[in-house]
C-alpha atoms as a PDB file:
ATOM      1  CA  MET A   1      -7.936 -10.292   6.644  1.00  0.00           C
ATOM      2  CA  LYS A   2     -10.914  -8.120   5.735  1.00  0.00           C
ATOM      3  CA  LEU A   3      -8.854  -4.995   6.436  1.00  0.00           C
ATOM      4  CA  TYR A   4      -6.178  -5.925   3.908  1.00  0.00           C
ATOM      5  CA  SER A   5      -8.780  -6.825   1.300  1.00  0.00           C
ATOM      6  CA  ARG A   6     -10.443  -3.469   1.883  1.00  0.00           C
ATOM      7  CA  ILE A   7      -7.141  -1.626   1.596  1.00  0.00           C
ATOM      8  CA  LEU A   8      -6.237  -3.429  -1.623  1.00  0.00           C
ATOM      9  CA  PHE A   9      -9.711  -2.711  -3.009  1.00  0.00           C
ATOM     10  CA  LEU A  10      -9.493   0.974  -2.063  1.00  0.00           C
ATOM     11  CA  PHE A  11      -6.018   1.239  -3.552  1.00  0.00           C
ATOM     12  CA  SER A  12      -7.140  -0.411  -6.796  1.00  0.00           C
ATOM     13  CA  ALA A  13     -10.272   1.730  -7.021  1.00  0.00           C
ATOM     14  CA  CYS A  14      -8.263   4.884  -6.384  1.00  0.00           C
ATOM     15  CA  LEU A  15      -5.717   4.024  -9.057  1.00  0.00           C
ATOM     16  CA  LEU A  16      -8.414   3.059 -11.535  1.00  0.00           C
ATOM     17  CA  SER A  17     -10.439   6.229 -11.045  1.00  0.00           C
ATOM     18  CA  HIS A  18      -7.333   8.382 -11.201  1.00  0.00           C
ATOM     19  CA  SER A  19      -6.125   6.619 -14.342  1.00  0.00           C
ATOM     20  CA  MET A  20      -9.488   7.070 -16.047  1.00  0.00           C
ATOM     21  CA  LEU A  21      -9.601  10.767 -15.158  1.00  0.00           C
ATOM     22  CA  PHE A  22      -6.030  11.269 -16.280  1.00  0.00           C
ATOM     23  CA  ALA A  23      -6.659   9.407 -19.549  1.00  0.00           C
ATOM     24  CA  GLN A  24      -9.557  11.754 -20.264  1.00  0.00           C
ATOM     25  CA  GLN A  25      -7.296  14.732 -19.629  1.00  0.00           C
ATOM     26  CA  ILE A  26      -4.613  13.361 -21.930  1.00  0.00           C
ATOM     27  CA  ASN A  27      -7.101  12.713 -24.732  1.00  0.00           C
ATOM     28  CA  ALA A  28      -8.471  16.233 -24.399  1.00  0.00           C
ATOM     29  CA  LYS A  29      -5.005  17.788 -24.646  1.00  0.00           C
ATOM     30  CA  ALA A  30      -3.630  15.530 -27.404  1.00  0.00           C
ATOM     31  CA  PRO A  31       0.109  15.875 -26.770  1.00  0.00           C
ATOM     32  CA  ASP A  32       1.989  17.190 -29.767  1.00  0.00           C
ATOM     33  CA  SER A  33       5.491  16.086 -28.818  1.00  0.00           C
ATOM     34  CA  GLY A  34       7.372  13.337 -27.043  1.00  0.00           C
ATOM     35  CA  LEU A  35       8.507  15.811 -24.389  1.00  0.00           C
ATOM     36  CA  ASN A  36       4.903  16.756 -23.617  1.00  0.00           C
ATOM     37  CA  THR A  37       4.062  13.050 -23.244  1.00  0.00           C
ATOM     38  CA  LEU A  38       7.036  12.624 -20.926  1.00  0.00           C
ATOM     39  CA  GLN A  39       5.946  15.571 -18.773  1.00  0.00           C
ATOM     40  CA  ILE A  40       2.366  14.335 -18.639  1.00  0.00           C
ATOM     41  CA  ASN A  41       3.422  10.862 -17.570  1.00  0.00           C
ATOM     42  CA  ARG A  42       5.841  12.231 -14.974  1.00  0.00           C
ATOM     43  CA  LYS A  43       3.025  14.289 -13.465  1.00  0.00           C
ATOM     44  CA  LYS A  44       0.844  11.189 -13.470  1.00  0.00           C
ATOM     45  CA  ILE A  45       3.564   9.222 -11.654  1.00  0.00           C
ATOM     46  CA  ASP A  46       4.010  12.038  -9.114  1.00  0.00           C
ATOM     47  CA  SER A  47       0.282  12.056  -8.429  1.00  0.00           C
ATOM     48  CA  LEU A  48       0.116   8.270  -8.114  1.00  0.00           C
ATOM     49  CA  ASP A  49       3.159   8.223  -5.820  1.00  0.00           C
ATOM     50  CA  LYS A  50       1.430  10.740  -3.550  1.00  0.00           C
ATOM     51  CA  LYS A  51      -1.729   8.622  -3.455  1.00  0.00           C
ATOM     52  CA  LEU A  52       0.343   5.512  -2.806  1.00  0.00           C
ATOM     53  CA  MET A  53       1.986   7.164   0.226  1.00  0.00           C
ATOM     54  CA  GLU A  54      -1.428   8.300   1.478  1.00  0.00           C
ATOM     55  CA  LEU A  55      -2.771   4.743   1.195  1.00  0.00           C
ATOM     56  CA  ILE A  56       0.242   3.278   2.954  1.00  0.00           C
ATOM     57  CA  GLY A  57      -0.211   5.901   5.670  1.00  0.00           C
ATOM     58  CA  GLU A  58      -3.851   4.844   6.026  1.00  0.00           C
ATOM     59  CA  ARG A  59      -2.716   1.226   6.248  1.00  0.00           C
ATOM     60  CA  GLU A  60      -0.219   2.039   8.974  1.00  0.00           C
ATOM     61  CA  ARG A  61      -2.900   3.898  10.952  1.00  0.00           C
ATOM     62  CA  ALA A  62      -4.874   0.627  10.930  1.00  0.00           C
ATOM     63  CA  VAL A  63      -1.681  -1.153  12.030  1.00  0.00           C
ATOM     64  CA  ARG A  64      -1.502   1.221  15.015  1.00  0.00           C
ATOM     65  CA  GLU A  65      -5.011   0.195  16.063  1.00  0.00           C
ATOM     66  CA  ILE A  66      -4.044  -3.459  15.746  1.00  0.00           C
ATOM     67  CA  GLY A  67      -0.851  -2.737  17.710  1.00  0.00           C
ATOM     68  CA  VAL A  68      -2.844  -1.277  20.599  1.00  0.00           C
ATOM     69  CA  TYR A  69      -5.135  -4.309  20.616  1.00  0.00           C
ATOM     70  CA  LYS A  70      -2.161  -6.681  20.577  1.00  0.00           C
ATOM     71  CA  ALA A  71      -0.400  -4.755  23.347  1.00  0.00           C
ATOM     72  CA  LYS A  72      -3.512  -4.817  25.569  1.00  0.00           C
ATOM     73  CA  ASN A  73      -3.972  -8.542  24.980  1.00  0.00           C
ATOM     74  CA  ASN A  74      -0.295  -9.575  25.140  1.00  0.00           C
ATOM     75  CA  ILE A  75      -0.256 -10.756  21.541  1.00  0.00           C
ATOM     76  CA  PRO A  76       3.178 -10.604  19.899  1.00  0.00           C
ATOM     77  CA  PRO A  77       3.513  -8.194  16.939  1.00  0.00           C
ATOM     78  CA  LEU A  78       4.766 -10.884  14.561  1.00  0.00           C
ATOM     79  CA  GLN A  79       2.011 -13.192  13.322  1.00  0.00           C
ATOM     80  CA  ALA A  80       3.874 -15.232  10.695  1.00  0.00           C
ATOM     81  CA  ASP A  81       0.848 -17.153   9.409  1.00  0.00           C
ATOM     82  CA  ARG A  82      -1.125 -13.943   8.945  1.00  0.00           C
ATOM     83  CA  PHE A  83       1.712 -12.303   7.024  1.00  0.00           C
ATOM     84  CA  LYS A  84       2.015 -15.391   4.828  1.00  0.00           C
ATOM     85  CA  GLN A  85      -1.692 -15.052   3.909  1.00  0.00           C
ATOM     86  CA  VAL A  86      -1.293 -11.330   3.185  1.00  0.00           C
ATOM     87  CA  LEU A  87       1.771 -11.964   1.038  1.00  0.00           C
ATOM     88  CA  GLU A  88       0.123 -14.745  -0.971  1.00  0.00           C
ATOM     89  CA  LYS A  89      -2.943 -12.595  -1.715  1.00  0.00           C
ATOM     90  CA  SER A  90      -0.738  -9.650  -2.626  1.00  0.00           C
ATOM     91  CA  ILE A  91       1.313 -11.739  -5.043  1.00  0.00           C
ATOM     92  CA  ILE A  92      -1.866 -12.923  -6.791  1.00  0.00           C
ATOM     93  CA  THR A  93      -3.213  -9.371  -6.987  1.00  0.00           C
ATOM     94  CA  GLY A  94       0.153  -8.057  -8.168  1.00  0.00           C
ATOM     95  CA  GLU A  95       0.424 -10.657 -10.898  1.00  0.00           C
ATOM     96  CA  LYS A  96      -2.957  -9.514 -12.241  1.00  0.00           C
ATOM     97  CA  GLU A  97      -1.411  -6.030 -12.519  1.00  0.00           C
ATOM     98  CA  GLY A  98       1.684  -7.340 -14.307  1.00  0.00           C
ATOM     99  CA  LEU A  99       3.942  -7.151 -11.250  1.00  0.00           C
ATOM    100  CA  SER A 100       6.498  -9.838 -10.517  1.00  0.00           C
ATOM    101  CA  ALA A 101       6.189 -11.981  -7.410  1.00  0.00           C
ATOM    102  CA  THR A 102       9.707 -10.858  -6.452  1.00  0.00           C
ATOM    103  CA  PHE A 103       8.747  -7.185  -6.542  1.00  0.00           C
ATOM    104  CA  VAL A 104       5.510  -7.736  -4.615  1.00  0.00           C
ATOM    105  CA  THR A 105       7.347  -9.817  -2.012  1.00  0.00           C
ATOM    106  CA  GLU A 106      10.017  -7.145  -1.515  1.00  0.00           C
ATOM    107  CA  MET A 107       7.416  -4.389  -1.288  1.00  0.00           C
ATOM    108  CA  MET A 108       5.229  -6.283   1.182  1.00  0.00           C
ATOM    109  CA  ASN A 109       8.274  -7.253   3.270  1.00  0.00           C
ATOM    110  CA  ALA A 110       9.214  -3.565   3.516  1.00  0.00           C
ATOM    111  CA  ILE A 111       5.659  -2.597   4.486  1.00  0.00           C
ATOM    112  CA  HIS A 112       5.512  -5.442   7.001  1.00  0.00           C
ATOM    113  CA  LYS A 113       8.847  -4.406   8.504  1.00  0.00           C
ATOM    114  CA  GLU A 114       7.455  -0.899   9.080  1.00  0.00           C
ATOM    115  CA  SER A 115       4.264  -2.366  10.545  1.00  0.00           C
ATOM    116  CA  LEU A 116       6.273  -4.470  12.993  1.00  0.00           C
ATOM    117  CA  ARG A 117       8.336  -1.406  13.952  1.00  0.00           C
ATOM    118  CA  ILE A 118       5.125   0.477  14.717  1.00  0.00           C
ATOM    119  CA  GLU A 119       3.640  -2.412  16.705  1.00  0.00           C
ATOM    120  CA  ASP A 120       6.886  -2.900  18.658  1.00  0.00           C
ATOM    121  CA  GLU A 121       6.912   0.815  19.502  1.00  0.00           C
ATOM    122  CA  ILE A 122       3.306   0.639  20.715  1.00  0.00           C
ATOM    123  CA  LYS A 123       4.040  -2.462  22.775  1.00  0.00           C
ATOM    124  CA  LEU A 124       7.065  -0.797  24.358  1.00  0.00           C
ATOM    125  CA  ASN A 125       5.070   2.334  25.216  1.00  0.00           C
ATOM    126  CA  PHE A 126       2.100   0.322  26.488  1.00  0.00           C
ATOM    127  CA  HIS A 127       4.128  -1.919  28.780  1.00  0.00           C
ATOM    128  CA  GLY A 128       6.675   0.766  29.668  1.00  0.00           C
ATOM    129  CA  LYS A 129       9.651  -1.440  28.985  1.00  0.00           C
END
């Protein structure tokens, strides 16, 4: 639980600091056309997408550590109650950012599916089955 809170905090802090830095850059350049604004915002999205992938990669590295622990202790990868808690917290956090519960649910389901794939792979390798 603490891990997910930390990841969400790090993700939020990263986005906030990047947004503040980018806003300062935009104000300094004062775009003079709609096309310039479009290009600036596309670069911002590209940068944020890269950071998002890096954060998800960091999350999945933590999942690998959890997967090893679960494999060693014969704990099944799927922990439905835990995922329910993660999803509920993510929906609340997402709503504060203006994201719909449907979007957050779909995104977290996709991330969880990848996490389960990783844990299943670790379990298979650990037990040699």
